[in-house]
Amino acid sequence: MGAIGLDDNMKLLVSEGVNGSHMVERLFWDFAGHSLLLPKNREHYPLELFVKWHQEQVFRR
């Protein structure tokens, strides 16, 4: 199971399986739903193919 992932709009997803201390909250949950800061140059964006693969094969809500 992946702890974090991206949705189709490049927003951060956090698995419900992530839990722990105040530090976990600060490192993960405080950023859940926030948009990824993408590079100005679109050729450096995460490739949709790899984001989809991660959504289907690694990240589990």
PDB file of N, CA and C in Angstrom:
ATOM      1  N   MET A   1       0.837  -1.184   0.000  1.00  0.00           N
ATOM      2  CA  MET A   1       0.000   0.000   0.000  1.00  0.00           C
ATOM      3  C   MET A   1       0.879   1.242   0.000  1.00  0.00           C
ATOM      4  N   GLY A   2       0.548   2.173  -0.845  1.00  0.00           N
ATOM      5  CA  GLY A   2       1.254   3.441  -0.861  1.00  0.00           C
ATOM      6  C   GLY A   2       0.637   4.410   0.135  1.00  0.00           C
ATOM      7  N   ALA A   3       1.459   5.178   0.790  1.00  0.00           N
ATOM      8  CA  ALA A   3       0.983   6.139   1.785  1.00  0.00           C
ATOM      9  C   ALA A   3       0.444   7.405   1.134  1.00  0.00           C
ATOM     10  N   ILE A   4       1.100   7.827   0.042  1.00  0.00           N
ATOM     11  CA  ILE A   4       0.670   9.042  -0.648  1.00  0.00           C
ATOM     12  C   ILE A   4       0.559   8.766  -2.136  1.00  0.00           C
ATOM     13  N   GLY A   5      -0.256   9.582  -2.796  1.00  0.00           N
ATOM     14  CA  GLY A   5      -0.431   9.479  -4.237  1.00  0.00           C
ATOM     15  C   GLY A   5      -0.925  10.803  -4.775  1.00  0.00           C
ATOM     16  N   LEU A   6      -1.222  10.813  -6.062  1.00  0.00           N
ATOM     17  CA  LEU A   6      -1.751  11.999  -6.732  1.00  0.00           C
ATOM     18  C   LEU A   6      -3.074  11.645  -7.384  1.00  0.00           C
ATOM     19  N   ASP A   7      -4.016  12.589  -7.367  1.00  0.00           N
ATOM     20  CA  ASP A   7      -5.243  12.365  -8.113  1.00  0.00           C
ATOM     21  C   ASP A   7      -5.053  12.882  -9.536  1.00  0.00           C
ATOM     22  N   ASP A   8      -6.102  12.832 -10.349  1.00  0.00           N
ATOM     23  CA  ASP A   8      -6.002  13.245 -11.748  1.00  0.00           C
ATOM     24  C   ASP A   8      -5.734  14.735 -11.914  1.00  0.00           C
ATOM     25  N   ASN A   9      -5.977  15.517 -10.867  1.00  0.00           N
ATOM     26  CA  ASN A   9      -5.744  16.966 -10.910  1.00  0.00           C
ATOM     27  C   ASN A   9      -4.444  17.365 -10.222  1.00  0.00           C
ATOM     28  N   MET A  10      -3.573  16.365  -9.982  1.00  0.00           N
ATOM     29  CA  MET A  10      -2.270  16.571  -9.344  1.00  0.00           C
ATOM     30  C   MET A  10      -2.404  17.126  -7.928  1.00  0.00           C
ATOM     31  N   LYS A  11      -3.441  16.657  -7.221  1.00  0.00           N
ATOM     32  CA  LYS A  11      -3.586  16.983  -5.803  1.00  0.00           C
ATOM     33  C   LYS A  11      -3.127  15.790  -4.984  1.00  0.00           C
ATOM     34  N   LEU A  12      -2.553  16.074  -3.827  1.00  0.00           N
ATOM     35  CA  LEU A  12      -1.996  15.037  -2.972  1.00  0.00           C
ATOM     36  C   LEU A  12      -3.093  14.235  -2.281  1.00  0.00           C
ATOM     37  N   LEU A  13      -2.977  12.919  -2.387  1.00  0.00           N
ATOM     38  CA  LEU A  13      -3.860  11.995  -1.689  1.00  0.00           C
ATOM     39  C   LEU A  13      -3.069  11.340  -0.568  1.00  0.00           C
ATOM     40  N   VAL A  14      -3.710  11.124   0.560  1.00  0.00           N
ATOM     41  CA  VAL A  14      -3.079  10.428   1.678  1.00  0.00           C
ATOM     42  C   VAL A  14      -3.959   9.234   2.026  1.00  0.00           C
ATOM     43  N   SER A  15      -3.355   8.078   2.126  1.00  0.00           N
ATOM     44  CA  SER A  15      -4.081   6.859   2.460  1.00  0.00           C
ATOM     45  C   SER A  15      -4.653   6.944   3.867  1.00  0.00           C
ATOM     46  N   GLU A  16      -5.861   6.398   4.040  1.00  0.00           N
ATOM     47  CA  GLU A  16      -6.468   6.361   5.369  1.00  0.00           C
ATOM     48  C   GLU A  16      -5.673   5.472   6.316  1.00  0.00           C
ATOM     49  N   GLY A  17      -4.781   4.641   5.755  1.00  0.00           N
ATOM     50  CA  GLY A  17      -3.942   3.784   6.579  1.00  0.00           C
ATOM     51  C   GLY A  17      -2.794   4.519   7.253  1.00  0.00           C
ATOM     52  N   VAL A  18      -2.580   5.776   6.873  1.00  0.00           N
ATOM     53  CA  VAL A  18      -1.496   6.566   7.470  1.00  0.00           C
ATOM     54  C   VAL A  18      -1.985   7.138   8.796  1.00  0.00           C
ATOM     55  N   ASN A  19      -1.303   6.790   9.859  1.00  0.00           N
ATOM     56  CA  ASN A  19      -1.643   7.343  11.167  1.00  0.00           C
ATOM     57  C   ASN A  19      -0.378   7.419  12.005  1.00  0.00           C
ATOM     58  N   GLY A  20      -0.479   8.087  13.093  1.00  0.00           N
ATOM     59  CA  GLY A  20       0.692   8.201  13.951  1.00  0.00           C
ATOM     60  C   GLY A  20       0.690   9.479  14.758  1.00  0.00           C
ATOM     61  N   SER A  21       1.866   9.954  15.014  1.00  0.00           N
ATOM     62  CA  SER A  21       2.083  11.089  15.906  1.00  0.00           C
ATOM     63  C   SER A  21       1.736  12.423  15.246  1.00  0.00           C
ATOM     64  N   HIS A  22       1.953  13.455  16.011  1.00  0.00           N
ATOM     65  CA  HIS A  22       1.771  14.825  15.520  1.00  0.00           C
ATOM     66  C   HIS A  22       2.654  15.075  14.293  1.00  0.00           C
ATOM     67  N   MET A  23       3.838  14.478  14.271  1.00  0.00           N
ATOM     68  CA  MET A  23       4.751  14.658  13.138  1.00  0.00           C
ATOM     69  C   MET A  23       4.158  14.056  11.867  1.00  0.00           C
ATOM     70  N   VAL A  24       3.523  12.914  11.972  1.00  0.00           N
ATOM     71  CA  VAL A  24       2.863  12.299  10.813  1.00  0.00           C
ATOM     72  C   VAL A  24       1.777  13.231  10.300  1.00  0.00           C
ATOM     73  N   GLU A  25       1.027  13.808  11.210  1.00  0.00           N
ATOM     74  CA  GLU A  25      -0.012  14.757  10.820  1.00  0.00           C
ATOM     75  C   GLU A  25       0.592  15.929  10.058  1.00  0.00           C
ATOM     76  N   ARG A  26       1.695  16.461  10.540  1.00  0.00           N
ATOM     77  CA  ARG A  26       2.334  17.613   9.896  1.00  0.00           C
ATOM     78  C   ARG A  26       2.928  17.244   8.540  1.00  0.00           C
ATOM     79  N   LEU A  27       3.485  16.037   8.427  1.00  0.00           N
ATOM     80  CA  LEU A  27       4.159  15.640   7.186  1.00  0.00           C
ATOM     81  C   LEU A  27       3.200  15.133   6.116  1.00  0.00           C
ATOM     82  N   PHE A  28       2.070  14.577   6.518  1.00  0.00           N
ATOM     83  CA  PHE A  28       1.146  13.990   5.557  1.00  0.00           C
ATOM     84  C   PHE A  28      -0.192  14.714   5.509  1.00  0.00           C
ATOM     85  N   TRP A  29      -0.940  14.642   6.607  1.00  0.00           N
ATOM     86  CA  TRP A  29      -2.323  15.102   6.587  1.00  0.00           C
ATOM     87  C   TRP A  29      -2.475  16.600   6.357  1.00  0.00           C
ATOM     88  N   ASP A  30      -1.532  17.392   6.785  1.00  0.00           N
ATOM     89  CA  ASP A  30      -1.633  18.840   6.555  1.00  0.00           C
ATOM     90  C   ASP A  30      -1.592  19.189   5.075  1.00  0.00           C
ATOM     91  N   PHE A  31      -1.094  18.272   4.248  1.00  0.00           N
ATOM     92  CA  PHE A  31      -0.970  18.542   2.817  1.00  0.00           C
ATOM     93  C   PHE A  31      -2.000  17.797   1.971  1.00  0.00           C
ATOM     94  N   ALA A  32      -2.795  16.955   2.578  1.00  0.00           N
ATOM     95  CA  ALA A  32      -3.809  16.197   1.846  1.00  0.00           C
ATOM     96  C   ALA A  32      -4.748  17.152   1.116  1.00  0.00           C
ATOM     97  N   GLY A  33      -4.974  16.882  -0.161  1.00  0.00           N
ATOM     98  CA  GLY A  33      -5.869  17.708  -0.968  1.00  0.00           C
ATOM     99  C   GLY A  33      -5.226  18.938  -1.573  1.00  0.00           C
ATOM    100  N   HIS A  34      -4.000  19.227  -1.215  1.00  0.00           N
ATOM    101  CA  HIS A  34      -3.301  20.386  -1.774  1.00  0.00           C
ATOM    102  C   HIS A  34      -2.752  20.049  -3.165  1.00  0.00           C
ATOM    103  N   SER A  35      -2.719  21.033  -4.019  1.00  0.00           N
ATOM    104  CA  SER A  35      -2.178  20.850  -5.361  1.00  0.00           C
ATOM    105  C   SER A  35      -0.667  20.741  -5.322  1.00  0.00           C
ATOM    106  N   LEU A  36      -0.155  19.862  -6.159  1.00  0.00           N
ATOM    107  CA  LEU A  36       1.284  19.717  -6.312  1.00  0.00           C
ATOM    108  C   LEU A  36       1.836  20.980  -6.967  1.00  0.00           C
ATOM    109  N   LEU A  37       2.962  21.464  -6.510  1.00  0.00           N
ATOM    110  CA  LEU A  37       3.609  22.605  -7.159  1.00  0.00           C
ATOM    111  C   LEU A  37       4.375  22.063  -8.366  1.00  0.00           C
ATOM    112  N   LEU A  38       3.859  22.350  -9.533  1.00  0.00           N
ATOM    113  CA  LEU A  38       4.426  21.804 -10.764  1.00  0.00           C
ATOM    114  C   LEU A  38       5.458  22.746 -11.364  1.00  0.00           C
ATOM    115  N   PRO A  39       6.431  22.184 -12.088  1.00  0.00           N
ATOM    116  CA  PRO A  39       7.427  23.022 -12.759  1.00  0.00           C
ATOM    117  C   PRO A  39       6.764  23.912 -13.815  1.00  0.00           C
ATOM    118  N   LYS A  40       7.377  25.015 -14.128  1.00  0.00           N
ATOM    119  CA  LYS A  40       6.846  25.895 -15.172  1.00  0.00           C
ATOM    120  C   LYS A  40       6.868  25.213 -16.530  1.00  0.00           C
ATOM    121  N   ASN A  41       7.912  24.435 -16.772  1.00  0.00           N
ATOM    122  CA  ASN A  41       8.070  23.737 -18.045  1.00  0.00           C
ATOM    123  C   ASN A  41       7.270  22.434 -18.003  1.00  0.00           C
ATOM    124  N   ARG A  42       6.233  22.339 -18.845  1.00  0.00           N
ATOM    125  CA  ARG A  42       5.341  21.175 -18.834  1.00  0.00           C
ATOM    126  C   ARG A  42       6.057  19.871 -19.162  1.00  0.00           C
ATOM    127  N   GLU A  43       7.184  19.935 -19.840  1.00  0.00           N
ATOM    128  CA  GLU A  43       7.878  18.689 -20.173  1.00  0.00           C
ATOM    129  C   GLU A  43       8.486  18.032 -18.933  1.00  0.00           C
ATOM    130  N   HIS A  44       8.501  18.751 -17.810  1.00  0.00           N
ATOM    131  CA  HIS A  44       9.021  18.200 -16.561  1.00  0.00           C
ATOM    132  C   HIS A  44       7.908  17.738 -15.617  1.00  0.00           C
ATOM    133  N   TYR A  45       6.658  17.823 -16.060  1.00  0.00           N
ATOM    134  CA  TYR A  45       5.529  17.346 -15.258  1.00  0.00           C
ATOM    135  C   TYR A  45       5.615  15.831 -15.105  1.00  0.00           C
ATOM    136  N   PRO A  46       5.020  15.296 -14.046  1.00  0.00           N
ATOM    137  CA  PRO A  46       4.910  13.835 -13.951  1.00  0.00           C
ATOM    138  C   PRO A  46       4.095  13.323 -15.142  1.00  0.00           C
ATOM    139  N   LEU A  47       4.556  12.260 -15.759  1.00  0.00           N
ATOM    140  CA  LEU A  47       3.844  11.712 -16.908  1.00  0.00           C
ATOM    141  C   LEU A  47       2.550  11.046 -16.453  1.00  0.00           C
ATOM    142  N   GLU A  48       1.467  11.339 -17.165  1.00  0.00           N
ATOM    143  CA  GLU A  48       0.158  10.798 -16.814  1.00  0.00           C
ATOM    144  C   GLU A  48       0.185   9.270 -16.731  1.00  0.00           C
ATOM    145  N   LEU A  49       0.926   8.638 -17.625  1.00  0.00           N
ATOM    146  CA  LEU A  49       1.048   7.180 -17.637  1.00  0.00           C
ATOM    147  C   LEU A  49       1.546   6.656 -16.288  1.00  0.00           C
ATOM    148  N   PHE A  50       2.546   7.311 -15.716  1.00  0.00           N
ATOM    149  CA  PHE A  50       3.116   6.870 -14.445  1.00  0.00           C
ATOM    150  C   PHE A  50       2.219   7.215 -13.259  1.00  0.00           C
ATOM    151  N   VAL A  51       1.541   8.353 -13.338  1.00  0.00           N
ATOM    152  CA  VAL A  51       0.600   8.723 -12.277  1.00  0.00           C
ATOM    153  C   VAL A  51      -0.532   7.699 -12.239  1.00  0.00           C
ATOM    154  N   LYS A  52      -1.066   7.330 -13.413  1.00  0.00           N
ATOM    155  CA  LYS A  52      -2.138   6.328 -13.500  1.00  0.00           C
ATOM    156  C   LYS A  52      -1.665   4.986 -12.957  1.00  0.00           C
ATOM    157  N   TRP A  53      -0.447   4.575 -13.332  1.00  0.00           N
ATOM    158  CA  TRP A  53       0.089   3.302 -12.851  1.00  0.00           C
ATOM    159  C   TRP A  53       0.165   3.310 -11.329  1.00  0.00           C
ATOM    160  N   HIS A  54       0.659   4.407 -10.763  1.00  0.00           N
ATOM    161  CA  HIS A  54       0.781   4.508  -9.304  1.00  0.00           C
ATOM    162  C   HIS A  54      -0.594   4.456  -8.646  1.00  0.00           C
ATOM    163  N   GLN A  55      -1.584   5.118  -9.252  1.00  0.00           N
ATOM    164  CA  GLN A  55      -2.941   5.097  -8.705  1.00  0.00           C
ATOM    165  C   GLN A  55      -3.504   3.675  -8.683  1.00  0.00           C
ATOM    166  N   GLU A  56      -3.237   2.915  -9.734  1.00  0.00           N
ATOM    167  CA  GLU A  56      -3.824   1.583  -9.881  1.00  0.00           C
ATOM    168  C   GLU A  56      -3.036   0.488  -9.172  1.00  0.00           C
ATOM    169  N   GLN A  57      -1.713   0.624  -9.101  1.00  0.00           N
ATOM    170  CA  GLN A  57      -0.880  -0.464  -8.607  1.00  0.00           C
ATOM    171  C   GLN A  57      -0.295  -0.246  -7.209  1.00  0.00           C
ATOM    172  N   VAL A  58      -0.176   0.991  -6.774  1.00  0.00           N
ATOM    173  CA  VAL A  58       0.531   1.266  -5.520  1.00  0.00           C
ATOM    174  C   VAL A  58      -0.383   1.895  -4.474  1.00  0.00           C
ATOM    175  N   PHE A  59      -0.995   3.013  -4.824  1.00  0.00           N
ATOM    176  CA  PHE A  59      -1.772   3.767  -3.838  1.00  0.00           C
ATOM    177  C   PHE A  59      -3.131   3.117  -3.612  1.00  0.00           C
ATOM    178  N   ARG A  60      -3.441   2.888  -2.366  1.00  0.00           N
ATOM    179  CA  ARG A  60      -4.750   2.361  -1.990  1.00  0.00           C
ATOM    180  C   ARG A  60      -5.331   3.267  -0.910  1.00  0.00           C
ATOM    181  N   ARG A  61      -6.540   3.704  -1.132  1.00  0.00           N
ATOM    182  CA  ARG A  61      -7.192   4.577  -0.149  1.00  0.00           C
ATOM    183  C   ARG A  61      -7.521   3.740   1.022  1.00  0.00           C
TER     184      ARG A  61
END
